Structures are given as structure tokens and as C-alpha cells.
Amino acid sequence: MEDKKSIITLFLARFTLSEDEVEAVTSRDVPVGKRFFDAMSKTERIREDCRVLMAGEDGPTKAGYDGAPAIGRYN
């Protein structure tokens, strides 16, 4: 059970933005700077990783389909 929990935690860390990162790319109160560009870089990495999942050997994966539109809101 602990292994599954670890895998899920790692997956979510890789494929989701933290609250701070979401704020950095959506809030008008956050100045454009390192924090903003770091968050945008992560959104691009997530997008690329979703493309990889969608182009898997056995065809697109559910994770790739679910992740792509979710991160698209921030790009």
C-alpha cells in the first residue's frame, strides 16, 4: 500500500501545479518575475509529459488525456 501511495504522490507532484504555482500564473497581484517563469516552465514540462503519455506504445493513456486539458488552462 505504501508503494502505491508513493507512486501517486510522485505522479501528482510531476503532473500538477502547486497552489503557489497556480497563483503565480493566474494572479494579477503577482509580479512577472522568476516565480512566474518557473511556474510557466513547469506547465510546459507537464504539457510535454502529457504528450508522451498520449503517444504511448499501446496508444494514449487516460492520464495523458486527463492531464493535457487540465494544464492547458494555464498556458
N, C-alpha and C. Protein backbone atom coordinates (compact mmCIF):
# COMPACT_ATOMS: atom_id res chain seq x y z
N MET A 1 0.82 -1.19 0.00
CA MET A 1 0.00 0.00 0.00
C MET A 1 0.87 1.26 0.00
N GLU A 2 1.96 1.23 0.75
CA GLU A 2 2.84 2.39 0.83
C GLU A 2 3.47 2.70 -0.54
N ASP A 3 3.79 1.67 -1.32
CA ASP A 3 4.35 1.88 -2.65
C ASP A 3 3.37 2.61 -3.56
N LYS A 4 2.11 2.21 -3.53
CA LYS A 4 1.09 2.87 -4.33
C LYS A 4 0.95 4.33 -3.94
N LYS A 5 0.98 4.57 -2.64
CA LYS A 5 0.87 5.94 -2.13
C LYS A 5 2.04 6.79 -2.63
N SER A 6 3.23 6.22 -2.61
CA SER A 6 4.43 6.91 -3.08
C SER A 6 4.33 7.24 -4.56
N ILE A 7 3.87 6.28 -5.33
CA ILE A 7 3.74 6.47 -6.77
C ILE A 7 2.73 7.57 -7.07
N ILE A 8 1.61 7.55 -6.38
CA ILE A 8 0.59 8.57 -6.59
C ILE A 8 1.12 9.95 -6.20
N THR A 9 1.81 10.03 -5.09
CA THR A 9 2.38 11.31 -4.64
C THR A 9 3.37 11.85 -5.67
N LEU A 10 4.24 10.99 -6.17
CA LEU A 10 5.21 11.41 -7.19
C LEU A 10 4.52 11.83 -8.48
N PHE A 11 3.51 11.07 -8.88
CA PHE A 11 2.77 11.40 -10.10
C PHE A 11 2.12 12.78 -9.97
N LEU A 12 1.44 13.01 -8.86
CA LEU A 12 0.77 14.29 -8.66
C LEU A 12 1.76 15.45 -8.61
N ALA A 13 2.90 15.25 -7.98
CA ALA A 13 3.92 16.30 -7.92
C ALA A 13 4.43 16.63 -9.32
N ARG A 14 4.52 15.62 -10.17
CA ARG A 14 5.04 15.83 -11.52
C ARG A 14 4.00 16.42 -12.46
N PHE A 15 2.73 16.09 -12.27
CA PHE A 15 1.71 16.47 -13.23
C PHE A 15 0.70 17.50 -12.74
N THR A 16 0.96 18.14 -11.62
CA THR A 16 0.07 19.20 -11.16
C THR A 16 0.88 20.39 -10.67
N LEU A 17 0.25 21.54 -10.70
CA LEU A 17 0.88 22.74 -10.16
C LEU A 17 0.47 22.89 -8.70
N SER A 18 1.39 23.38 -7.90
CA SER A 18 1.07 23.67 -6.50
C SER A 18 0.18 24.91 -6.46
N GLU A 19 -0.42 25.17 -5.33
CA GLU A 19 -1.24 26.38 -5.18
C GLU A 19 -0.43 27.63 -5.46
N ASP A 20 0.82 27.64 -5.01
CA ASP A 20 1.71 28.78 -5.23
C ASP A 20 1.98 28.97 -6.73
N GLU A 21 2.18 27.87 -7.45
CA GLU A 21 2.44 27.96 -8.90
C GLU A 21 1.20 28.43 -9.65
N VAL A 22 0.03 27.94 -9.25
CA VAL A 22 -1.21 28.40 -9.88
C VAL A 22 -1.38 29.90 -9.65
N GLU A 23 -1.13 30.34 -8.42
CA GLU A 23 -1.23 31.76 -8.13
C GLU A 23 -0.25 32.58 -8.97
N ALA A 24 0.95 32.05 -9.15
CA ALA A 24 1.98 32.77 -9.91
C ALA A 24 1.56 33.01 -11.36
N VAL A 25 0.80 32.09 -11.94
CA VAL A 25 0.42 32.26 -13.35
C VAL A 25 -0.99 32.83 -13.54
N THR A 26 -1.77 32.93 -12.46
CA THR A 26 -3.14 33.41 -12.63
C THR A 26 -3.45 34.73 -11.92
N SER A 27 -2.68 35.07 -10.91
CA SER A 27 -3.00 36.26 -10.12
C SER A 27 -2.43 37.53 -10.76
N ARG A 28 -3.24 38.54 -10.79
CA ARG A 28 -2.77 39.83 -11.28
C ARG A 28 -1.92 40.55 -10.23
N ASP A 29 -1.95 40.05 -9.00
CA ASP A 29 -1.19 40.67 -7.92
C ASP A 29 0.25 40.17 -7.83
N VAL A 30 0.56 39.10 -8.57
CA VAL A 30 1.91 38.55 -8.54
C VAL A 30 2.70 39.16 -9.70
N PRO A 31 3.81 39.84 -9.39
CA PRO A 31 4.60 40.45 -10.46
C PRO A 31 5.24 39.38 -11.36
N VAL A 32 5.39 39.73 -12.63
CA VAL A 32 6.06 38.82 -13.56
C VAL A 32 7.54 38.81 -13.20
N GLY A 33 8.04 37.65 -12.86
CA GLY A 33 9.43 37.50 -12.46
C GLY A 33 9.77 36.03 -12.39
N LYS A 34 10.78 35.69 -11.60
CA LYS A 34 11.27 34.31 -11.51
C LYS A 34 10.15 33.34 -11.14
N ARG A 35 9.35 33.69 -10.16
CA ARG A 35 8.27 32.81 -9.70
C ARG A 35 7.31 32.48 -10.86
N PHE A 36 6.94 33.50 -11.61
CA PHE A 36 6.05 33.32 -12.76
C PHE A 36 6.69 32.42 -13.81
N PHE A 37 7.93 32.72 -14.17
CA PHE A 37 8.58 31.94 -15.23
C PHE A 37 8.88 30.51 -14.80
N ASP A 38 9.18 30.30 -13.53
CA ASP A 38 9.36 28.93 -13.04
C ASP A 38 8.06 28.14 -13.16
N ALA A 39 6.95 28.77 -12.80
CA ALA A 39 5.65 28.09 -12.91
C ALA A 39 5.30 27.83 -14.37
N MET A 40 5.57 28.76 -15.25
CA MET A 40 5.29 28.55 -16.67
C MET A 40 6.17 27.45 -17.24
N SER A 41 7.41 27.37 -16.79
CA SER A 41 8.29 26.28 -17.24
C SER A 41 7.72 24.93 -16.81
N LYS A 42 7.19 24.88 -15.60
CA LYS A 42 6.61 23.62 -15.14
C LYS A 42 5.37 23.26 -15.96
N THR A 43 4.54 24.25 -16.31
CA THR A 43 3.36 23.94 -17.12
C THR A 43 3.78 23.38 -18.47
N GLU A 44 4.84 23.92 -19.04
CA GLU A 44 5.32 23.40 -20.33
C GLU A 44 5.85 21.98 -20.18
N ARG A 45 6.56 21.70 -19.10
CA ARG A 45 7.07 20.34 -18.87
C ARG A 45 5.92 19.36 -18.69
N ILE A 46 4.90 19.77 -17.94
CA ILE A 46 3.73 18.91 -17.75
C ILE A 46 3.06 18.64 -19.09
N ARG A 47 2.94 19.66 -19.89
CA ARG A 47 2.32 19.51 -21.22
C ARG A 47 3.09 18.52 -22.07
N GLU A 48 4.41 18.64 -22.07
CA GLU A 48 5.24 17.71 -22.84
C GLU A 48 5.11 16.29 -22.29
N ASP A 49 5.09 16.14 -20.99
CA ASP A 49 4.95 14.82 -20.38
C ASP A 49 3.59 14.20 -20.73
N CYS A 50 2.56 15.03 -20.81
CA CYS A 50 1.24 14.53 -21.21
C CYS A 50 1.26 14.05 -22.65
N ARG A 51 1.98 14.77 -23.50
CA ARG A 51 2.12 14.33 -24.91
C ARG A 51 2.79 12.97 -24.98
N VAL A 52 3.81 12.77 -24.15
CA VAL A 52 4.49 11.47 -24.11
C VAL A 52 3.51 10.39 -23.68
N LEU A 53 2.73 10.66 -22.64
CA LEU A 53 1.74 9.68 -22.18
C LEU A 53 0.71 9.39 -23.25
N MET A 54 0.34 10.41 -24.01
CA MET A 54 -0.68 10.23 -25.04
C MET A 54 -0.13 9.48 -26.25
N ALA A 55 1.18 9.43 -26.39
CA ALA A 55 1.79 8.74 -27.52
C ALA A 55 2.44 7.43 -27.08
N GLY A 56 1.92 6.83 -26.03
CA GLY A 56 2.48 5.58 -25.52
C GLY A 56 2.43 4.45 -26.54
N GLU A 57 3.21 3.42 -26.32
CA GLU A 57 3.28 2.29 -27.24
C GLU A 57 1.92 1.65 -27.49
N ASP A 58 1.10 1.61 -26.46
CA ASP A 58 -0.21 0.97 -26.57
C ASP A 58 -1.31 1.99 -26.86
N GLY A 59 -0.94 3.16 -27.31
CA GLY A 59 -1.92 4.22 -27.57
C GLY A 59 -2.00 5.16 -26.40
N PRO A 60 -2.85 6.16 -26.53
CA PRO A 60 -2.98 7.16 -25.47
C PRO A 60 -3.40 6.55 -24.14
N THR A 61 -2.89 7.13 -23.06
CA THR A 61 -3.27 6.69 -21.72
C THR A 61 -4.30 7.65 -21.14
N LYS A 62 -5.07 7.18 -20.21
CA LYS A 62 -6.06 8.03 -19.55
C LYS A 62 -5.38 9.20 -18.84
N ALA A 63 -4.23 8.96 -18.25
CA ALA A 63 -3.52 10.04 -17.55
C ALA A 63 -3.13 11.15 -18.52
N GLY A 64 -2.71 10.79 -19.71
CA GLY A 64 -2.35 11.79 -20.71
C GLY A 64 -3.56 12.61 -21.13
N TYR A 65 -4.68 11.93 -21.36
CA TYR A 65 -5.91 12.63 -21.73
C TYR A 65 -6.40 13.54 -20.62
N ASP A 66 -6.35 13.07 -19.39
CA ASP A 66 -6.86 13.85 -18.26
C ASP A 66 -5.96 15.05 -17.95
N GLY A 67 -4.66 14.87 -18.11
CA GLY A 67 -3.72 15.92 -17.73
C GLY A 67 -3.62 17.05 -18.72
N ALA A 68 -3.70 16.76 -20.01
CA ALA A 68 -3.50 17.79 -21.03
C ALA A 68 -4.48 18.94 -20.91
N PRO A 69 -5.79 18.70 -20.87
CA PRO A 69 -6.71 19.84 -20.77
C PRO A 69 -6.59 20.59 -19.43
N ALA A 70 -6.28 19.86 -18.37
CA ALA A 70 -6.19 20.49 -17.06
C ALA A 70 -5.07 21.52 -17.04
N ILE A 71 -3.93 21.20 -17.62
CA ILE A 71 -2.80 22.13 -17.59
C ILE A 71 -2.95 23.21 -18.67
N GLY A 72 -3.73 22.93 -19.70
CA GLY A 72 -3.95 23.91 -20.78
C GLY A 72 -4.55 25.21 -20.31
N ARG A 73 -5.24 25.19 -19.19
CA ARG A 73 -5.83 26.44 -18.66
C ARG A 73 -4.77 27.46 -18.33
N TYR A 74 -3.57 26.99 -18.01
CA TYR A 74 -2.53 27.92 -17.53
C TYR A 74 -1.54 28.32 -18.61
N ASN A 75 -1.59 27.70 -19.78
CA ASN A 75 -0.68 28.06 -20.88
C ASN A 75 -1.33 29.06 -21.79
